């Protein structure tokens, strides 16, 4: 009787794990679909950069870079949801920090904190990953 109870619990756990994996895959597909839809906005921003005066094109270009890097973070997040590896988590964090540094750093303190955060990610990747896991770099 006790063995049947353990088997039921194990089956329920397996079912929940499969359901979570399916939901993660659906979320990844939704992210990918949204990124594909957002490419239109990148094209419009790219054309606008070329047709705008030099003074105003700086802000448009910054918006283009911000949007592009956000889409890259979204794609990396989708890969992370599907692959379940520590290296992918570090890559998502790496791109998010790089985006923050490039787009919204307003002073040297922000840049310094970003560089420190990136250094911590690279140190984590080099010294705390197992040898069989693919490295970020």
C-alpha atoms as a PDB file:
ATOM      1  CA  UNK A   1       0.000   0.000   0.000  1.00  0.00           C
ATOM      2  CA  UNK A   2       2.822   2.376   0.875  1.00  0.00           C
ATOM      3  CA  UNK A   3       4.550   1.619  -2.427  1.00  0.00           C
ATOM      4  CA  UNK A   4       1.383   2.495  -4.419  1.00  0.00           C
ATOM      5  CA  UNK A   5       1.138   5.801  -2.557  1.00  0.00           C
ATOM      6  CA  UNK A   6       4.763   6.637  -3.414  1.00  0.00           C
ATOM      7  CA  UNK A   7       4.155   5.715  -7.058  1.00  0.00           C
ATOM      8  CA  UNK A   8       1.116   8.021  -7.206  1.00  0.00           C
ATOM      9  CA  UNK A   9       3.101  10.880  -5.710  1.00  0.00           C
ATOM     10  CA  UNK A  10       5.923  10.226  -8.169  1.00  0.00           C
ATOM     11  CA  UNK A  11       3.460  10.189 -11.097  1.00  0.00           C
ATOM     12  CA  UNK A  12       1.893  13.446  -9.912  1.00  0.00           C
ATOM     13  CA  UNK A  13       5.335  15.055  -9.631  1.00  0.00           C
ATOM     14  CA  UNK A  14       6.234  13.883 -13.147  1.00  0.00           C
ATOM     15  CA  UNK A  15       2.940  15.217 -14.495  1.00  0.00           C
ATOM     16  CA  UNK A  16       3.511  18.601 -12.848  1.00  0.00           C
ATOM     17  CA  UNK A  17       7.070  18.755 -14.237  1.00  0.00           C
ATOM     18  CA  UNK A  18       5.804  17.982 -17.750  1.00  0.00           C
ATOM     19  CA  UNK A  19       3.072  20.601 -17.415  1.00  0.00           C
ATOM     20  CA  UNK A  20       5.614  23.210 -16.290  1.00  0.00           C
ATOM     21  CA  UNK A  21       7.898  22.360 -19.220  1.00  0.00           C
ATOM     22  CA  UNK A  22       4.969  22.724 -21.644  1.00  0.00           C
ATOM     23  CA  UNK A  23       4.073  26.104 -20.128  1.00  0.00           C
ATOM     24  CA  UNK A  24       7.712  27.236 -20.381  1.00  0.00           C
ATOM     25  CA  UNK A  25       7.814  26.209 -24.043  1.00  0.00           C
ATOM     26  CA  UNK A  26       4.574  28.081 -24.700  1.00  0.00           C
ATOM     27  CA  UNK A  27       5.981  31.179 -22.991  1.00  0.00           C
ATOM     28  CA  UNK A  28       9.179  30.887 -25.045  1.00  0.00           C
ATOM     29  CA  UNK A  29       7.114  30.644 -28.234  1.00  0.00           C
ATOM     30  CA  UNK A  30       5.096  33.691 -27.167  1.00  0.00           C
ATOM     31  CA  UNK A  31       8.304  35.649 -26.559  1.00  0.00           C
ATOM     32  CA  UNK A  32       9.673  34.602 -29.972  1.00  0.00           C
ATOM     33  CA  UNK A  33       6.396  35.557 -31.670  1.00  0.00           C
ATOM     34  CA  UNK A  34       6.441  38.960 -29.962  1.00  0.00           C
ATOM     35  CA  UNK A  35      10.056  39.542 -31.013  1.00  0.00           C
ATOM     36  CA  UNK A  36       9.170  38.702 -34.616  1.00  0.00           C
ATOM     37  CA  UNK A  37       6.287  41.191 -34.504  1.00  0.00           C
ATOM     38  CA  UNK A  38       8.618  43.845 -33.067  1.00  0.00           C
ATOM     39  CA  UNK A  39      11.019  43.621 -36.009  1.00  0.00           C
ATOM     40  CA  UNK A  40       8.646  45.927 -37.902  1.00  0.00           C
ATOM     41  CA  UNK A  41       9.313  48.635 -35.311  1.00  0.00           C
ATOM     42  CA  UNK A  42      13.066  48.192 -35.789  1.00  0.00           C
ATOM     43  CA  UNK A  43      12.711  48.678 -39.536  1.00  0.00           C
ATOM     44  CA  UNK A  44      10.664  51.849 -39.007  1.00  0.00           C
ATOM     45  CA  UNK A  45      13.210  53.191 -36.502  1.00  0.00           C
ATOM     46  CA  UNK A  46      16.082  52.352 -38.858  1.00  0.00           C
ATOM     47  CA  UNK A  47      14.461  54.219 -41.736  1.00  0.00           C
ATOM     48  CA  UNK A  48      13.669  57.143 -39.439  1.00  0.00           C
ATOM     49  CA  UNK A  49      17.340  57.445 -38.423  1.00  0.00           C
ATOM     50  CA  UNK A  50      18.304  57.959 -42.082  1.00  0.00           C
ATOM     51  CA  UNK A  51      15.556  60.474 -42.811  1.00  0.00           C
ATOM     52  CA  UNK A  52      16.004  62.630 -39.706  1.00  0.00           C
ATOM     53  CA  UNK A  53      18.368  65.520 -39.119  1.00  0.00           C
ATOM     54  CA  UNK A  54      21.618  64.700 -37.323  1.00  0.00           C
ATOM     55  CA  UNK A  55      20.634  66.367 -34.028  1.00  0.00           C
ATOM     56  CA  UNK A  56      17.389  64.430 -33.658  1.00  0.00           C
ATOM     57  CA  UNK A  57      18.712  61.151 -35.050  1.00  0.00           C
ATOM     58  CA  UNK A  58      20.796  60.547 -31.898  1.00  0.00           C
ATOM     59  CA  UNK A  59      17.678  59.942 -29.785  1.00  0.00           C
ATOM     60  CA  UNK A  60      16.114  57.808 -32.496  1.00  0.00           C
ATOM     61  CA  UNK A  61      19.290  55.745 -32.798  1.00  0.00           C
ATOM     62  CA  UNK A  62      19.356  55.315 -29.026  1.00  0.00           C
ATOM     63  CA  UNK A  63      15.752  54.093 -29.191  1.00  0.00           C
ATOM     64  CA  UNK A  64      16.710  51.710 -32.012  1.00  0.00           C
ATOM     65  CA  UNK A  65      19.605  50.266 -29.982  1.00  0.00           C
ATOM     66  CA  UNK A  66      17.458  50.006 -26.874  1.00  0.00           C
ATOM     67  CA  UNK A  67      14.730  48.187 -28.771  1.00  0.00           C
ATOM     68  CA  UNK A  68      17.215  45.871 -30.497  1.00  0.00           C
ATOM     69  CA  UNK A  69      18.952  44.925 -27.263  1.00  0.00           C
ATOM     70  CA  UNK A  70      15.599  44.364 -25.569  1.00  0.00           C
ATOM     71  CA  UNK A  71      14.658  41.943 -28.346  1.00  0.00           C
ATOM     72  CA  UNK A  72      18.005  40.156 -27.921  1.00  0.00           C
ATOM     73  CA  UNK A  73      17.332  39.827 -24.189  1.00  0.00           C
ATOM     74  CA  UNK A  74      13.889  38.452 -25.029  1.00  0.00           C
ATOM     75  CA  UNK A  75      15.336  35.854 -27.398  1.00  0.00           C
ATOM     76  CA  UNK A  76      17.951  34.831 -24.858  1.00  0.00           C
ATOM     77  CA  UNK A  77      15.199  34.522 -22.270  1.00  0.00           C
ATOM     78  CA  UNK A  78      13.284  32.219 -24.623  1.00  0.00           C
ATOM     79  CA  UNK A  79      16.398  30.066 -25.093  1.00  0.00           C
ATOM     80  CA  UNK A  80      16.876  29.975 -21.321  1.00  0.00           C
ATOM     81  CA  UNK A  81      13.290  28.819 -20.767  1.00  0.00           C
ATOM     82  CA  UNK A  82      13.803  25.916 -23.150  1.00  0.00           C
ATOM     83  CA  UNK A  83      17.354  24.843 -22.294  1.00  0.00           C
ATOM     84  CA  UNK A  84      17.426  25.061 -18.461  1.00  0.00           C
ATOM     85  CA  UNK A  85      21.161  25.564 -18.179  1.00  0.00           C
ATOM     86  CA  UNK A  86      23.070  27.841 -15.794  1.00  0.00           C
ATOM     87  CA  UNK A  87      25.108  29.231 -18.692  1.00  0.00           C
ATOM     88  CA  UNK A  88      21.940  30.497 -20.380  1.00  0.00           C
ATOM     89  CA  UNK A  89      20.874  32.274 -17.193  1.00  0.00           C
ATOM     90  CA  UNK A  90      24.248  34.005 -17.081  1.00  0.00           C
ATOM     91  CA  UNK A  91      23.887  34.978 -20.746  1.00  0.00           C
ATOM     92  CA  UNK A  92      20.486  36.575 -20.145  1.00  0.00           C
ATOM     93  CA  UNK A  93      21.903  38.528 -17.212  1.00  0.00           C
ATOM     94  CA  UNK A  94      24.936  39.486 -19.304  1.00  0.00           C
ATOM     95  CA  UNK A  95      22.797  40.916 -22.119  1.00  0.00           C
ATOM     96  CA  UNK A  96      20.472  42.682 -19.687  1.00  0.00           C
ATOM     97  CA  UNK A  97      23.385  44.383 -17.942  1.00  0.00           C
ATOM     98  CA  UNK A  98      25.011  45.296 -21.263  1.00  0.00           C
ATOM     99  CA  UNK A  99      21.724  46.815 -22.440  1.00  0.00           C
ATOM    100  CA  UNK A 100      21.416  48.816 -19.234  1.00  0.00           C
ATOM    101  CA  UNK A 101      24.990  50.056 -19.546  1.00  0.00           C
ATOM    102  CA  UNK A 102      24.682  51.067 -23.197  1.00  0.00           C
ATOM    103  CA  UNK A 103      21.263  52.650 -23.090  1.00  0.00           C
ATOM    104  CA  UNK A 104      20.535  54.167 -19.717  1.00  0.00           C
ATOM    105  CA  UNK A 105      23.842  54.804 -17.971  1.00  0.00           C
ATOM    106  CA  UNK A 106      23.861  58.476 -17.096  1.00  0.00           C
ATOM    107  CA  UNK A 107      27.058  58.777 -15.092  1.00  0.00           C
ATOM    108  CA  UNK A 108      30.326  56.996 -14.434  1.00  0.00           C
ATOM    109  CA  UNK A 109      28.947  55.311 -11.310  1.00  0.00           C
ATOM    110  CA  UNK A 110      26.380  53.448 -13.428  1.00  0.00           C
ATOM    111  CA  UNK A 111      29.085  52.351 -15.851  1.00  0.00           C
ATOM    112  CA  UNK A 112      31.397  51.274 -13.019  1.00  0.00           C
ATOM    113  CA  UNK A 113      28.634  49.218 -11.395  1.00  0.00           C
ATOM    114  CA  UNK A 114      27.870  47.632 -14.768  1.00  0.00           C
ATOM    115  CA  UNK A 115      31.509  46.726 -15.306  1.00  0.00           C
ATOM    116  CA  UNK A 116      31.693  45.217 -11.811  1.00  0.00           C
ATOM    117  CA  UNK A 117      28.521  43.218 -12.487  1.00  0.00           C
ATOM    118  CA  UNK A 118      29.936  41.959 -15.794  1.00  0.00           C
ATOM    119  CA  UNK A 119      33.188  41.002 -14.061  1.00  0.00           C
ATOM    120  CA  UNK A 120      31.224  39.027 -11.473  1.00  0.00           C
ATOM    121  CA  UNK A 121      29.386  37.189 -14.262  1.00  0.00           C
ATOM    122  CA  UNK A 122      32.635  36.300 -16.024  1.00  0.00           C
ATOM    123  CA  UNK A 123      34.240  35.183 -12.751  1.00  0.00           C
ATOM    124  CA  UNK A 124      31.178  33.076 -11.988  1.00  0.00           C
ATOM    125  CA  UNK A 125      31.341  31.550 -15.449  1.00  0.00           C
ATOM    126  CA  UNK A 126      35.052  30.798 -15.187  1.00  0.00           C
ATOM    127  CA  UNK A 127      35.353  29.488 -11.638  1.00  0.00           C
ATOM    128  CA  UNK A 128      31.938  28.220 -10.541  1.00  0.00           C
ATOM    129  CA  UNK A 129      30.699  26.368 -13.593  1.00  0.00           C
ATOM    130  CA  UNK A 130      31.364  22.707 -13.946  1.00  0.00           C
ATOM    131  CA  UNK A 131      33.854  21.781 -16.640  1.00  0.00           C
ATOM    132  CA  UNK A 132      31.274  20.009 -18.817  1.00  0.00           C
ATOM    133  CA  UNK A 133      29.000  23.060 -19.139  1.00  0.00           C
ATOM    134  CA  UNK A 134      29.591  25.278 -22.180  1.00  0.00           C
ATOM    135  CA  UNK A 135      31.104  28.606 -21.216  1.00  0.00           C
ATOM    136  CA  UNK A 136      29.667  32.011 -22.145  1.00  0.00           C
ATOM    137  CA  UNK A 137      32.816  33.075 -23.962  1.00  0.00           C
END
